[in-house]
Amino acid sequence: MDQPGRPGIGDDKGASQNRNFPFSVDGAYGPVRLRYFAPPVKLRAYFGSLYLFEVDLAQYSDVTRADVPQLRFMLSGQGQYRFRDGHDVDTPEICLLGPTLGATRFDLTSPARVLGISLLPAGWITLHGGDASSFADRPCDMGVGPAGEPYRAMLEQARTIDDPEQMAAQAWRFMAARIRPLTDATWTLLHAIDHWLTDEPSPRIEVLADATGLSVRQLTRLTRSLYGAPPKLLARKYRALRCSARIAVDGENWQALCDDGTFYDQSHFIREIKQFIGLTPHQLMTEPSAVAALTMLRRSLGGDVAALNRLS
């Protein structure tokens, strides 16, 4: 098993023809193992990645960064989330977690194995369709009632599959059956917001308004509904995610990042990284948690995996 300090990347079995962009990446950090799978091409506008998380400890706690919505199947184990406002929620066996707007702590009370899928805004629309801001930092039990029957069947089937690649293939088939076409206008808007979040070092709402021709009021309503937050908070979230990747993956000096004018000063930089990542810049650089280190593996996935997922 790889030693803490650097997540080890496993073989890219099943990789695409371009060997620089593997179909899957696999890493271990102490007792934690995490494997990511790129979605099939036809699903890449809807979902960021699929992952299998495993930890073999009677108790385990860690923190996850602010993220896009997640659909998670608890194959084994049980635990609890603690969100940025301090409230605790037991983890449903089939959990649709809305977009998170700050670091989220989780506590596992037994060895656990979790199958998860990251939902991009188009995936959220087709899977749930509700106002994403109403579910920000909140879980929803997808296994309840008649509508939950397919999800419960997927969970039981996944529990019988030992091979991760077979499990991923089955999960992608399940997700493919749930997507639906979106209007051209919706795709145009999603692409504009995604580019705004990923291309701008410190996204400014005026840039997005110019690109879309929409008013700030209209954009606020739309980003809350589709991404879970108003533009200013959304921009702060992705600015912090981008900077954390530059520290943890690219090895950039965090103090130098403070001098480029993106943040007011070092204390502002530290507060923002801590709020959205759950660790200080120094911790990210020298002593990241297992999940913080392994989450960065997503950046190694297939070349056309959505840029939004690479940051989150």
Protein backbone atom coordinates (compact mmCIF):
# COMPACT_ATOMS: atom_id res chain seq x y z
CA MET A 1 0.00 0.00 0.00
CA ASP A 2 1.25 3.49 -0.83
CA GLN A 3 2.52 5.58 2.03
CA PRO A 4 0.88 8.79 3.22
CA GLY A 5 2.30 11.90 1.59
CA ARG A 6 1.77 11.01 -2.05
CA PRO A 7 -1.21 9.13 -3.52
CA GLY A 8 -0.06 6.29 -5.72
CA ILE A 9 -1.68 6.05 -9.14
CA GLY A 10 -2.52 2.54 -10.22
CA ASP A 11 -2.59 0.98 -13.66
CA ASP A 12 -4.86 2.64 -16.19
CA LYS A 13 -6.44 -0.64 -17.26
CA GLY A 14 -9.13 0.04 -19.84
CA ALA A 15 -7.57 3.39 -20.74
CA SER A 16 -8.50 5.27 -23.86
CA GLN A 17 -6.21 5.21 -26.86
CA ASN A 18 -4.53 8.39 -25.69
CA ARG A 19 -2.30 7.01 -22.94
CA ASN A 20 -1.81 10.48 -21.47
CA PHE A 21 -5.44 10.44 -20.36
CA PRO A 22 -6.37 7.20 -18.56
CA PHE A 23 -9.87 5.82 -18.39
CA SER A 24 -9.39 5.21 -14.66
CA VAL A 25 -6.94 6.23 -11.96
CA ASP A 26 -6.37 4.50 -8.67
CA GLY A 27 -4.66 5.62 -5.49
CA ALA A 28 -4.10 4.69 -1.87
CA TYR A 29 -3.23 6.88 1.10
CA GLY A 30 -2.79 4.98 4.35
CA PRO A 31 -5.98 2.94 4.93
CA VAL A 32 -7.95 4.74 2.21
CA ARG A 33 -8.21 3.66 -1.42
CA LEU A 34 -9.96 5.65 -4.10
CA ARG A 35 -10.44 4.80 -7.76
CA TYR A 36 -11.94 7.18 -10.35
CA PHE A 37 -13.51 6.23 -13.68
CA ALA A 38 -14.12 8.61 -16.57
CA PRO A 39 -17.68 8.52 -17.91
CA PRO A 40 -18.49 7.21 -21.39
CA VAL A 41 -18.30 9.95 -24.01
CA LYS A 42 -22.09 10.30 -24.34
CA LEU A 43 -22.40 10.96 -20.59
CA ARG A 44 -19.55 13.44 -20.14
CA ALA A 45 -21.75 16.50 -20.40
CA TYR A 46 -23.88 15.15 -17.53
CA PHE A 47 -21.47 13.49 -15.10
CA GLY A 48 -17.96 14.26 -13.97
CA SER A 49 -16.62 10.93 -12.78
CA LEU A 50 -17.52 7.71 -11.01
CA TYR A 51 -15.51 6.61 -8.00
CA LEU A 52 -15.10 3.72 -5.60
CA PHE A 53 -14.05 4.75 -2.08
CA GLU A 54 -12.85 2.12 0.39
CA VAL A 55 -11.53 2.32 3.93
CA ASP A 56 -10.87 -0.66 6.18
CA LEU A 57 -11.03 0.85 9.66
CA ALA A 58 -13.60 0.50 12.42
CA GLN A 59 -13.77 4.31 12.62
CA TYR A 60 -12.61 6.92 10.15
CA SER A 61 -13.10 10.68 9.81
CA ASP A 62 -12.05 13.06 7.07
CA VAL A 63 -13.19 16.14 5.22
CA THR A 64 -14.30 16.63 1.62
CA ARG A 65 -13.94 19.89 -0.26
CA ALA A 66 -16.80 21.94 -1.64
CA ASP A 67 -18.07 20.00 -4.61
CA VAL A 68 -20.70 19.42 -7.26
CA PRO A 69 -23.69 17.21 -6.33
CA GLN A 70 -22.94 13.55 -5.67
CA LEU A 71 -25.00 10.37 -5.97
CA ARG A 72 -23.58 7.83 -3.51
CA PHE A 73 -24.44 4.19 -2.90
CA MET A 74 -23.28 2.85 0.47
CA LEU A 75 -22.20 -0.66 -0.54
CA SER A 76 -21.14 -1.29 3.04
CA GLY A 77 -20.65 0.74 6.18
CA GLN A 78 -22.51 3.65 7.70
CA GLY A 79 -21.67 7.14 8.81
CA GLN A 80 -22.63 10.76 9.20
CA TYR A 81 -22.07 14.11 7.46
CA ARG A 82 -21.35 17.36 9.25
CA PHE A 83 -21.95 20.37 7.02
CA ARG A 84 -20.44 23.84 7.10
CA ASP A 85 -23.29 25.24 9.22
CA GLY A 86 -22.61 22.58 11.88
CA HIS A 87 -25.64 20.35 11.39
CA ASP A 88 -25.19 16.56 11.33
CA VAL A 89 -27.07 14.10 9.12
CA ASP A 90 -26.86 10.31 9.00
CA THR A 91 -25.83 9.03 5.57
CA PRO A 92 -28.67 7.39 3.64
CA GLU A 93 -27.79 4.13 1.90
CA ILE A 94 -28.60 5.84 -1.40
CA CYS A 95 -27.67 9.48 -0.99
CA LEU A 96 -28.11 12.33 -3.43
CA LEU A 97 -26.00 15.07 -1.90
CA GLY A 98 -26.67 18.55 -3.23
CA PRO A 99 -23.86 20.94 -4.19
CA THR A 100 -21.67 21.70 -1.19
CA LEU A 101 -20.62 25.28 -0.56
CA GLY A 102 -17.98 24.57 2.03
CA ALA A 103 -15.88 21.74 3.37
CA THR A 104 -17.95 18.81 4.68
CA ARG A 105 -16.78 16.47 7.42
CA PHE A 106 -17.78 12.81 7.37
CA ASP A 107 -17.47 10.20 10.10
CA LEU A 108 -17.60 6.47 9.37
CA THR A 109 -18.42 4.08 12.20
CA SER A 110 -17.40 0.87 10.41
CA PRO A 111 -15.31 -0.24 7.42
CA ALA A 112 -16.93 1.23 4.33
CA ARG A 113 -17.18 0.87 0.58
CA VAL A 114 -18.93 3.63 -1.35
CA LEU A 115 -19.82 3.90 -5.04
CA GLY A 116 -20.27 7.52 -6.08
CA ILE A 117 -20.98 9.58 -9.18
CA SER A 118 -20.31 13.32 -9.55
CA LEU A 119 -23.19 15.23 -11.14
CA LEU A 120 -22.53 18.20 -13.37
CA PRO A 121 -25.38 20.73 -13.64
CA ALA A 122 -26.88 18.88 -16.63
CA GLY A 123 -26.82 15.68 -14.59
CA TRP A 124 -28.52 17.41 -11.70
CA ILE A 125 -31.26 18.69 -14.01
CA THR A 126 -31.98 15.28 -15.47
CA LEU A 127 -31.64 13.30 -12.25
CA HIS A 128 -33.48 15.64 -9.90
CA GLY A 129 -34.60 18.80 -11.65
CA GLY A 130 -35.24 20.86 -8.53
CA ASP A 131 -33.67 24.15 -7.49
CA ALA A 132 -30.12 23.12 -6.56
CA SER A 133 -29.83 25.87 -3.94
CA SER A 134 -32.64 24.21 -1.95
CA PHE A 135 -30.42 21.14 -1.63
CA ALA A 136 -27.09 22.88 -1.05
CA ASP A 137 -25.27 21.13 1.80
CA ARG A 138 -28.18 18.73 2.18
CA PRO A 139 -28.61 15.01 1.44
CA CYS A 140 -31.68 13.44 -0.12
CA ASP A 141 -32.59 9.76 0.31
CA MET A 142 -33.06 8.42 -3.23
CA GLY A 143 -34.17 4.99 -2.06
CA VAL A 144 -37.56 6.08 -0.72
CA GLY A 145 -40.90 5.08 -2.24
CA PRO A 146 -41.74 3.76 -5.70
CA ALA A 147 -39.38 6.23 -7.38
CA GLY A 148 -36.55 4.74 -5.34
CA GLU A 149 -37.05 1.17 -6.52
CA PRO A 150 -34.57 1.38 -9.44
CA TYR A 151 -31.97 2.91 -7.10
CA ARG A 152 -32.47 0.17 -4.52
CA ALA A 153 -32.11 -2.44 -7.25
CA MET A 154 -28.90 -0.77 -8.43
CA LEU A 155 -27.53 -0.82 -4.89
CA GLU A 156 -28.27 -4.50 -4.41
CA GLN A 157 -26.77 -5.36 -7.78
CA ALA A 158 -23.61 -3.36 -7.10
CA ARG A 159 -23.16 -5.18 -3.80
CA THR A 160 -22.85 -8.46 -5.71
CA ILE A 161 -20.09 -7.19 -8.04
CA ASP A 162 -16.49 -7.51 -6.87
CA ASP A 163 -14.72 -6.25 -9.98
CA PRO A 164 -14.56 -2.40 -9.95
CA GLU A 165 -14.62 -2.12 -13.74
CA GLN A 166 -17.74 -4.26 -14.01
CA MET A 167 -19.35 -2.23 -11.26
CA ALA A 168 -18.49 1.02 -13.04
CA ALA A 169 -19.88 -0.28 -16.33
CA GLN A 170 -23.15 -1.28 -14.67
CA ALA A 171 -23.42 2.07 -12.89
CA TRP A 172 -22.86 3.99 -16.13
CA ARG A 173 -25.60 1.95 -17.82
CA PHE A 174 -27.88 2.82 -14.92
CA MET A 175 -27.09 6.53 -15.23
CA ALA A 176 -27.44 6.51 -19.02
CA ALA A 177 -31.01 5.29 -18.65
CA ARG A 178 -31.84 8.37 -16.55
CA ILE A 179 -30.55 11.22 -18.67
CA ARG A 180 -32.80 13.23 -20.93
CA PRO A 181 -32.11 15.82 -23.63
CA LEU A 182 -31.85 19.47 -22.66
CA THR A 183 -32.77 22.46 -24.77
CA ASP A 184 -30.15 24.23 -26.85
CA ALA A 185 -30.66 27.34 -24.74
CA THR A 186 -29.90 25.38 -21.55
CA TRP A 187 -26.71 23.88 -23.01
CA THR A 188 -25.57 27.33 -24.19
CA LEU A 189 -26.10 28.77 -20.72
CA LEU A 190 -24.34 25.87 -18.96
CA HIS A 191 -21.34 26.15 -21.29
CA ALA A 192 -21.10 29.89 -20.69
CA ILE A 193 -21.18 29.51 -16.90
CA ASP A 194 -18.71 26.61 -16.94
CA HIS A 195 -16.25 28.63 -19.03
CA TRP A 196 -16.69 31.59 -16.74
CA LEU A 197 -15.90 29.48 -13.67
CA THR A 198 -12.92 27.64 -15.15
CA ASP A 199 -11.27 30.27 -17.34
CA GLU A 200 -11.41 33.34 -15.11
CA PRO A 201 -8.75 33.42 -12.32
CA SER A 202 -11.20 35.35 -10.15
CA PRO A 203 -14.57 35.16 -11.92
CA ARG A 204 -16.41 38.51 -12.11
CA ILE A 205 -20.15 38.61 -12.66
CA GLU A 206 -19.76 41.41 -15.24
CA VAL A 207 -17.82 39.03 -17.50
CA LEU A 208 -20.61 36.44 -17.35
CA ALA A 209 -23.27 39.10 -17.94
CA ASP A 210 -21.43 40.29 -21.05
CA ALA A 211 -21.02 36.72 -22.34
CA THR A 212 -24.68 35.77 -21.87
CA GLY A 213 -26.51 39.05 -22.35
CA LEU A 214 -28.38 38.38 -19.10
CA SER A 215 -28.79 40.72 -16.15
CA VAL A 216 -27.15 40.11 -12.80
CA ARG A 217 -30.58 39.39 -11.34
CA GLN A 218 -31.31 36.78 -14.02
CA LEU A 219 -27.89 35.17 -13.57
CA THR A 220 -28.35 35.02 -9.81
CA ARG A 221 -31.61 33.13 -10.21
CA LEU A 222 -30.11 30.75 -12.78
CA THR A 223 -26.85 29.96 -10.98
CA ARG A 224 -28.75 29.31 -7.76
CA SER A 225 -31.08 26.92 -9.57
CA LEU A 226 -28.44 25.13 -11.66
CA TYR A 227 -25.28 25.32 -9.51
CA GLY A 228 -26.68 25.84 -6.03
CA ALA A 229 -25.29 29.31 -5.27
CA PRO A 230 -25.43 32.94 -6.41
CA PRO A 231 -22.63 34.04 -8.75
CA LYS A 232 -20.38 35.67 -6.13
CA LEU A 233 -20.37 32.63 -3.82
CA LEU A 234 -20.01 30.29 -6.78
CA ALA A 235 -17.02 32.27 -8.04
CA ARG A 236 -15.38 32.14 -4.59
CA LYS A 237 -15.90 28.38 -4.44
CA TYR A 238 -14.22 27.70 -7.76
CA ARG A 239 -11.46 30.21 -7.15
CA ALA A 240 -10.58 28.31 -3.97
CA LEU A 241 -10.76 24.94 -5.77
CA ARG A 242 -8.47 26.21 -8.52
CA CYS A 243 -5.93 27.57 -6.05
CA SER A 244 -5.96 24.40 -3.95
CA ALA A 245 -5.16 22.33 -7.04
CA ARG A 246 -2.27 24.64 -7.90
CA ILE A 247 -0.90 24.08 -4.39
CA ALA A 248 -1.52 20.35 -3.98
CA VAL A 249 -0.97 19.14 -7.57
CA ASP A 250 1.20 21.72 -9.29
CA GLY A 251 3.33 22.36 -6.21
CA GLU A 252 3.04 26.14 -6.39
CA ASN A 253 4.03 28.18 -3.36
CA TRP A 254 0.84 29.35 -1.67
CA GLN A 255 2.37 32.62 -0.48
CA ALA A 256 3.20 33.46 -4.10
CA LEU A 257 -0.43 32.87 -5.08
CA CYS A 258 -1.45 35.58 -2.63
CA ASP A 259 0.60 38.16 -4.53
CA ASP A 260 -1.21 37.93 -7.87
CA GLY A 261 -4.04 40.24 -6.78
CA THR A 262 -6.72 37.53 -6.62
CA PHE A 263 -7.03 37.82 -2.82
CA TYR A 264 -6.80 40.82 -0.51
CA ASP A 265 -3.97 39.41 1.59
CA GLN A 266 -2.63 36.16 3.07
CA SER A 267 -5.23 35.99 5.84
CA HIS A 268 -8.02 36.29 3.24
CA PHE A 269 -6.41 33.56 1.16
CA ILE A 270 -6.09 31.23 4.17
CA ARG A 271 -9.72 31.80 5.24
CA GLU A 272 -11.06 31.07 1.75
CA ILE A 273 -9.04 27.87 1.30
CA LYS A 274 -9.99 26.69 4.79
CA GLN A 275 -13.70 27.36 4.22
CA PHE A 276 -13.99 25.59 0.88
CA ILE A 277 -11.28 22.92 1.18
CA GLY A 278 -11.27 22.21 4.91
CA LEU A 279 -7.50 22.58 5.24
CA THR A 280 -5.14 25.52 5.36
CA PRO A 281 -2.80 26.14 2.39
CA HIS A 282 0.11 24.94 4.53
CA GLN A 283 -1.72 21.70 5.36
CA LEU A 284 -2.54 21.14 1.71
CA MET A 285 1.12 21.49 0.84
CA THR A 286 2.69 19.52 3.71
CA GLU A 287 0.11 17.27 5.38
CA PRO A 288 -3.06 16.81 3.32
CA SER A 289 -5.69 14.39 4.57
CA ALA A 290 -6.20 11.15 2.65
CA VAL A 291 -9.30 12.39 0.86
CA ALA A 292 -7.74 15.77 0.03
CA ALA A 293 -4.74 14.05 -1.53
CA LEU A 294 -6.67 11.38 -3.42
CA THR A 295 -9.36 13.74 -4.73
CA MET A 296 -6.68 15.34 -6.91
CA LEU A 297 -6.49 12.12 -8.94
CA ARG A 298 -9.58 13.28 -10.83
CA ARG A 299 -7.41 15.69 -12.77
CA SER A 300 -5.70 12.70 -14.45
CA LEU A 301 -8.87 11.32 -16.03
CA GLY A 302 -9.70 11.26 -19.73
CA GLY A 303 -8.76 14.32 -21.74
CA ASP A 304 -12.28 15.52 -22.46
CA VAL A 305 -13.73 15.02 -18.99
CA ALA A 306 -15.49 18.25 -18.09
CA ALA A 307 -13.18 21.02 -16.91
CA LEU A 308 -15.65 21.81 -14.12
CA ASN A 309 -15.11 18.33 -12.68
CA ARG A 310 -11.32 18.73 -12.81
CA LEU A 311 -11.55 21.67 -10.45
CA SER A 312 -14.11 20.20 -8.08
